[in-house]
Protein backbone atom coordinates (compact mmCIF):
# COMPACT_ATOMS: atom_id res chain seq x y z
CA MET A 1 -21.78 5.67 8.88
CA LEU A 2 -23.55 7.07 5.83
CA LEU A 3 -20.13 7.44 4.19
CA GLN A 4 -19.82 3.67 4.36
CA LEU A 5 -22.53 3.21 1.72
CA PRO A 6 -20.52 4.69 -1.20
CA ALA A 7 -17.51 2.58 -0.19
CA ASP A 8 -19.60 -0.59 -0.14
CA SER A 9 -21.08 0.38 -3.50
CA LEU A 10 -17.59 0.69 -4.96
CA GLY A 11 -16.76 -2.72 -3.56
CA TRP A 12 -19.78 -4.17 -5.34
CA VAL A 13 -18.67 -2.47 -8.57
CA ALA A 14 -15.24 -4.03 -8.13
CA VAL A 15 -16.79 -7.49 -7.94
CA LYS A 16 -19.20 -7.10 -10.85
CA GLY A 17 -17.69 -4.54 -13.22
CA ILE A 18 -13.90 -4.35 -12.88
CA HIS A 19 -13.56 -4.34 -16.68
CA TYR A 20 -15.50 -1.10 -16.95
CA VAL A 21 -13.48 0.43 -14.13
CA GLY A 22 -10.33 -0.37 -16.10
CA GLN A 23 -11.68 1.61 -19.04
CA ILE A 24 -12.45 4.58 -16.79
CA ALA A 25 -8.98 4.41 -15.26
CA LYS A 26 -7.40 5.27 -18.61
CA PHE A 27 -8.37 8.91 -18.18
CA LEU A 28 -9.64 9.29 -14.59
CA ASN A 29 -6.19 8.63 -13.08
CA TRP A 30 -4.83 11.76 -14.77
CA ILE A 31 -7.12 13.98 -12.69
CA PRO A 32 -5.43 13.48 -9.29
CA PHE A 33 -2.01 13.60 -10.95
CA LEU A 34 -2.69 17.02 -12.45
CA MET A 35 -4.16 18.27 -9.16
CA ILE A 36 -1.12 17.06 -7.21
CA LEU A 37 1.06 19.06 -9.59
CA GLY A 38 -1.24 22.06 -9.16
CA VAL A 39 -0.97 21.94 -5.36
CA LEU A 40 2.81 21.67 -5.65
CA TRP A 41 2.95 24.68 -7.96
CA ALA A 42 0.79 26.74 -5.61
CA ASN A 43 3.11 26.02 -2.68
CA HIS A 44 6.51 25.64 -4.35
CA GLY A 45 7.61 29.10 -3.28
CA GLY A 46 7.65 28.12 0.39
CA ILE A 47 9.74 24.95 0.05
CA SER A 48 13.05 26.76 0.50
CA GLN A 49 11.62 28.65 3.49
CA TYR A 50 10.50 25.57 5.40
CA HIS A 51 12.52 24.67 8.49
CA PRO A 52 11.58 21.49 10.37
CA PRO A 53 10.97 21.91 14.10
CA GLN A 54 13.39 19.06 14.84
CA HIS A 55 16.60 18.67 12.86
CA ASP A 56 16.80 14.88 12.97
CA SER A 57 17.41 13.97 9.36
CA MET A 58 18.09 10.30 10.10
CA ALA A 59 14.77 9.79 11.90
CA GLY A 60 12.96 11.55 9.06
CA PHE A 61 14.75 9.41 6.49
CA LEU A 62 13.91 6.19 8.33
CA ASN A 63 10.25 7.19 8.72
CA ALA A 64 10.09 8.00 5.01
CA MET A 65 11.66 4.63 4.28
CA ALA A 66 9.06 2.90 6.48
CA ILE A 67 6.23 4.57 4.55
CA THR A 68 7.86 3.73 1.21
CA ILE A 69 8.33 0.09 2.19
CA GLY A 70 4.72 -0.02 3.35
CA PHE A 71 3.59 1.30 -0.02
CA PHE A 72 5.93 -0.94 -2.00
CA ALA A 73 5.02 -4.07 -0.05
CA THR A 74 1.36 -3.79 -0.96
CA ALA A 75 2.05 -2.70 -4.54
CA GLY A 76 4.64 -5.43 -5.01
CA ALA A 77 2.49 -8.21 -3.58
CA ALA A 78 -0.65 -7.06 -5.40
CA GLY A 79 1.33 -6.53 -8.60
CA THR A 80 1.68 -10.28 -9.02
CA ASP A 81 -1.99 -10.43 -10.00
CA PHE A 82 -1.50 -7.79 -12.68
CA GLY A 83 1.76 -9.47 -13.71
CA MET A 84 -0.18 -12.43 -15.08
CA ASN A 85 -1.42 -10.18 -17.89
CA ASN A 86 2.05 -9.00 -18.94
CA ARG A 87 3.20 -9.91 -22.41
CA ASN A 88 6.93 -10.05 -21.71
CA ARG A 89 9.73 -8.95 -19.38
CA LYS A 90 9.59 -5.40 -20.71
CA ASP A 91 6.00 -5.06 -19.51
CA VAL A 92 7.07 -6.17 -16.03
CA VAL A 93 9.85 -3.56 -15.90
CA LEU A 94 7.60 -0.77 -17.18
CA GLY A 95 4.90 -1.74 -14.71
CA GLY A 96 7.37 -1.59 -11.82
CA LEU A 97 8.79 1.77 -12.91
CA THR A 98 5.42 3.44 -13.45
CA GLY A 99 3.25 1.69 -10.89
CA ILE A 100 5.69 1.39 -8.00
CA ALA A 101 8.73 3.66 -8.39
CA ALA A 102 6.93 6.57 -10.05
CA GLY A 103 3.89 6.07 -7.84
CA ALA A 104 5.99 6.44 -4.68
CA VAL A 105 7.64 9.60 -6.00
CA ILE A 106 4.40 11.21 -7.17
CA ALA A 107 2.05 10.19 -4.37
CA GLY A 108 4.67 10.54 -1.64
CA GLY A 109 7.46 12.86 -2.70
CA ILE A 110 5.41 15.56 -4.41
CA SER A 111 2.86 15.57 -1.61
CA VAL A 112 5.56 15.97 1.06
CA LEU A 113 7.09 18.87 -0.86
CA SER A 114 3.66 20.49 -1.17
CA VAL A 115 3.09 20.31 2.59
CA ALA A 116 6.60 21.68 3.24
CA GLY A 117 5.91 24.54 0.84
CA TYR A 118 2.59 25.29 2.52
CA LEU A 119 4.22 25.43 5.96
CA GLY A 120 7.07 27.55 4.65
CA ARG A 121 4.92 30.21 3.02
CA THR A 122 2.08 30.33 5.58
CA ALA A 123 2.87 32.18 8.78
CA GLY A 124 1.67 30.36 11.88
CA ALA A 125 0.73 27.17 10.01
CA THR A 126 1.12 24.04 12.13
CA SER A 127 -0.92 21.44 10.23
CA TYR A 128 1.03 18.76 8.38
CA ASP A 129 -2.10 17.41 6.67
CA TYR A 130 -2.09 17.39 2.88
CA THR A 131 -5.65 18.71 2.99
CA SER A 132 -4.26 21.96 4.40
CA ALA A 133 -1.97 22.27 1.39
CA ILE A 134 -4.97 21.75 -0.89
CA ALA A 135 -7.04 24.32 0.99
CA SER A 136 -4.26 26.88 0.53
CA VAL A 137 -4.85 26.84 -3.23
CA GLY A 138 -7.80 29.17 -2.78
CA GLY A 139 -11.02 29.18 -4.78
CA LEU A 140 -10.16 25.94 -6.59
CA ALA A 141 -9.83 24.01 -3.32
CA PRO A 142 -13.50 22.86 -3.11
CA VAL A 143 -13.35 21.62 -6.71
CA MET A 144 -10.10 19.79 -5.99
CA PHE A 145 -11.54 18.08 -2.93
CA PHE A 146 -14.50 16.88 -4.99
CA LEU A 147 -12.30 15.64 -7.84
CA PHE A 148 -9.99 13.84 -5.43
CA ALA A 149 -13.01 12.04 -4.00
CA ALA A 150 -14.27 11.15 -7.50
CA ALA A 151 -10.83 9.89 -8.48
CA CYS A 152 -10.96 7.41 -5.57
CA LEU A 153 -13.35 5.34 -7.68
CA VAL A 154 -10.56 3.58 -9.54
CA PRO A 155 -8.13 2.69 -6.70
CA THR A 156 -10.98 1.67 -4.40
CA CYS A 157 -12.41 -0.72 -6.98
CA PHE A 158 -9.04 -2.17 -7.97
CA SER A 159 -7.88 -2.64 -4.38
CA SER A 160 -11.19 -4.36 -3.60
CA PHE A 161 -10.77 -6.58 -6.65
CA ILE A 162 -7.23 -7.56 -5.63
CA ALA A 163 -8.34 -8.28 -2.07
CA ALA A 164 -11.13 -10.46 -3.42
CA ASN A 165 -8.64 -12.45 -5.50
CA SER A 166 -6.43 -13.00 -2.46
CA PHE A 167 -9.29 -14.07 -0.20
CA SER A 168 -10.76 -16.38 -2.84
CA THR A 169 -7.36 -18.08 -3.22
CA MET A 170 -6.83 -18.57 0.51
CA LEU A 171 -10.48 -19.23 1.43
CA PRO A 172 -12.16 -20.66 -1.70
CA LYS A 173 -15.30 -21.72 0.17
CA ILE A 174 -16.17 -18.09 0.95
CA SER A 175 -17.77 -16.35 -2.01
CA ARG A 176 -15.91 -13.45 -3.58
CA PRO A 177 -18.74 -10.90 -3.08
CA VAL A 178 -18.93 -11.71 0.64
CA SER A 179 -15.17 -11.42 1.25
CA THR A 180 -14.93 -8.24 -0.81
CA MET A 181 -17.80 -6.50 0.94
CA ALA A 182 -16.38 -7.46 4.34
CA ALA A 183 -12.97 -6.01 3.45
CA VAL A 184 -14.45 -2.81 1.99
CA THR A 185 -16.67 -2.31 5.04
CA LEU A 186 -13.69 -2.68 7.38
CA SER A 187 -11.68 -0.21 5.26
CA ALA A 188 -14.54 2.30 5.34
CA ILE A 189 -14.77 2.04 9.12
CA LEU A 190 -11.04 2.66 9.49
CA ALA A 191 -11.31 5.74 7.25
CA ILE A 192 -14.44 7.13 8.91
CA THR A 193 -13.12 6.74 12.44
CA GLY A 194 -9.84 8.42 11.48
CA VAL A 195 -7.65 5.42 12.33
CA ALA A 196 -6.20 5.47 8.80
CA ASP A 197 -5.17 9.13 9.16
CA ASN A 198 -1.99 8.12 10.98
CA LEU A 199 -0.05 7.41 7.79
CA VAL A 200 3.24 6.51 9.48
CA GLY A 201 1.52 4.05 11.80
CA PHE A 202 -0.80 2.81 9.05
CA PHE A 203 1.97 2.11 6.55
CA SER A 204 4.11 0.61 9.32
CA ILE A 205 1.37 -1.94 10.00
CA VAL A 206 0.92 -2.54 6.27
CA ALA A 207 4.66 -3.02 5.82
CA ALA A 208 4.80 -5.40 8.77
CA SER A 209 1.94 -7.37 7.20
CA PHE A 210 3.05 -7.45 3.56
CA GLY A 211 6.83 -7.21 4.02
CA PRO A 212 7.19 -10.85 5.16
CA ILE A 213 4.89 -11.92 2.32
CA CYS A 214 7.18 -10.27 -0.22
CA GLY A 215 10.17 -11.85 1.51
CA ALA A 216 8.62 -15.31 1.29
CA MET A 217 7.67 -14.72 -2.35
CA LEU A 218 11.26 -13.77 -3.17
CA ALA A 219 12.56 -16.85 -1.35
CA ASP A 220 10.16 -19.12 -3.26
CA TYR A 221 11.17 -17.44 -6.53
CA LEU A 222 14.87 -18.06 -5.89
CA LEU A 223 14.35 -21.62 -4.65
CA ALA A 224 12.43 -22.42 -7.85
CA GLY A 225 15.29 -21.23 -10.04
CA ARG A 226 14.16 -17.63 -10.59
CA ARG A 227 10.64 -18.51 -11.72
CA TRP A 228 7.21 -19.23 -10.27
CA SER A 229 7.16 -22.81 -9.11
CA GLY A 230 3.39 -23.11 -9.57
CA PRO A 231 0.42 -23.69 -7.23
CA ARG A 232 1.04 -25.94 -4.26
CA ARG A 233 -1.14 -28.63 -2.80
CA GLY A 234 -2.88 -27.95 0.50
CA ILE A 235 -1.54 -25.39 2.99
CA ASN A 236 1.91 -23.92 2.54
CA TRP A 237 2.94 -23.88 6.19
CA ALA A 238 6.35 -22.45 5.33
CA GLY A 239 4.63 -19.35 3.96
CA TYR A 240 2.21 -18.93 6.85
CA ILE A 241 4.86 -19.35 9.53
CA ALA A 242 7.25 -17.01 7.69
CA TRP A 243 4.50 -14.39 7.57
CA VAL A 244 3.59 -14.71 11.27
CA LEU A 245 7.19 -14.46 12.47
CA GLY A 246 7.95 -11.61 10.09
CA PHE A 247 4.86 -9.73 11.24
CA LEU A 248 5.83 -10.09 14.89
CA VAL A 249 9.27 -8.68 14.08
CA GLY A 250 7.95 -5.77 12.02
CA PHE A 251 4.89 -4.87 14.11
CA PRO A 252 5.30 -1.16 14.99
CA ASP A 253 5.88 -0.09 18.55
CA HIS A 254 4.76 3.04 20.41
CA ILE A 255 1.65 3.77 18.33
CA PRO A 256 -1.30 5.05 20.41
CA GLY A 257 -4.14 2.55 20.63
CA LEU A 258 -2.03 -0.46 19.63
CA PRO A 259 -0.48 -3.09 21.90
CA ALA A 260 3.27 -3.10 22.38
CA ALA A 261 5.31 -4.97 19.82
CA TRP A 262 6.34 -8.50 20.78
CA VAL A 263 9.79 -8.07 19.26
CA LYS A 264 11.70 -4.80 19.70
CA ALA A 265 13.20 -4.33 16.21
CA ASP A 266 15.03 -1.12 15.44
CA ASN A 267 13.75 1.38 12.89
CA PRO A 268 13.09 0.55 10.12
CA ALA A 269 11.58 -2.65 11.50
CA GLU A 270 9.92 -3.27 8.12
CA ILE A 271 13.23 -4.31 6.59
CA TYR A 272 13.76 -6.82 9.39
CA ALA A 273 10.24 -8.12 8.78
CA PHE A 274 11.04 -8.66 5.11
CA ALA A 275 14.32 -10.39 5.94
CA THR A 276 12.63 -12.58 8.55
CA GLY A 277 10.01 -13.76 6.08
CA PHE A 278 12.72 -14.45 3.50
CA LEU A 279 15.02 -16.45 5.80
CA VAL A 280 12.29 -18.38 7.63
CA TYR A 281 10.69 -19.46 4.35
CA ILE A 282 14.00 -20.78 3.04
CA ILE A 283 14.73 -22.68 6.26
CA LEU A 284 11.26 -24.23 6.51
CA SER A 285 11.31 -25.14 2.83
CA LYS A 286 14.63 -26.93 3.28
CA ILE A 287 13.26 -29.04 6.13
CA GLY A 288 10.20 -30.10 4.12
CA MET A 289 7.42 -27.79 5.30
CA ARG A 290 6.60 -26.63 1.79
CA PRO A 291 3.92 -28.80 0.12
CA PRO A 292 4.48 -30.29 -3.36
CA VAL A 293 3.59 -28.41 -6.52
CA VAL A 294 0.30 -29.30 -8.21
CA GLU A 295 0.99 -30.81 -11.59
CA ILE A 296 -0.85 -28.95 -14.35
CA GLY A 297 -1.46 -30.32 -17.81
C-alpha cells in the first residue's frame, strides 16, 4: 500500500495546483509519446511476422471497438469540462481530433502494433503485456519505465481534477478535497491489486458506465436545439434513470470476479448502452421527468 501514497499526493496536487500541472503538461506529455514511438520502432520488424493464435478477426475487431468506446466515453464526457474554455467551434474540433481521435490511435493503435511486433520477433514469447514490449528495447528499458511513471503526473492530476468537478456538481455538500482523495485512493487500490490490468474488462465497465451518460448528453443536446440547455433545477431523474438502464444493458458479462450481467446484450454491448441512454432520456424527457432549466441573468 506504500504505492498509494504517491497517488494520493497527486490527487492533492490536482485539487490545489492544477494550474501548475497544466504548465508542466506542455512539455511532459511529449515524453511518453516519444517513448511509444521508440518502442514501436524497436519492434516494428516483427509486425509482419506476427500470427494470432486464433484467427477470429470479427471478435478482435469488436473487442477493439469496446476498448475504443470505453476510452472515448470517458474522454467525451470529461471533455465537456475542457470545452468550457474553448474560444470557438474550431477549438472544439481540434480538441476532438487531437485529444480523442489521435489519442486513441497513439495510445491504443501504436501500442497494439508494438506488442504484435514484439511477439512476432521474439521466439517463444507469450506475454501480451505492453511492459514486455518495453522490456525488449534493451538497456533503455529501465529509463523508459521510470519516465513512463513520471509522465503519469499529468493525466493522474487532470483525471482527479475532472472527477472532483463531477462529484462537486452532483454532491455539492461534500468538499472537493474529500471526494477527490476518495476517488484517487480507490483508483490506486484498483491499480495496486491488479484489477485494472484487465484492459478489456476495465474499459468495458468504463464504457458501460460512461456510454449511457454520453447518450443522455447527446439526447439533451438535440432536444435543446443543438445547444446546451443550461443547468437544471433539482435532480434530473431522466438522466439518472437513463444512466442506470444503460449501465445494466452495457455491463460486461463473463469477466472473472464480476457478477453476471443482468441484460445479455451482444458484443459490443457498449453501443447498446449508449443507445439505451439516448432513447430512455428522450422518452423520459417527453413525459416530463426532466426538471426545468435554472434561469441565469
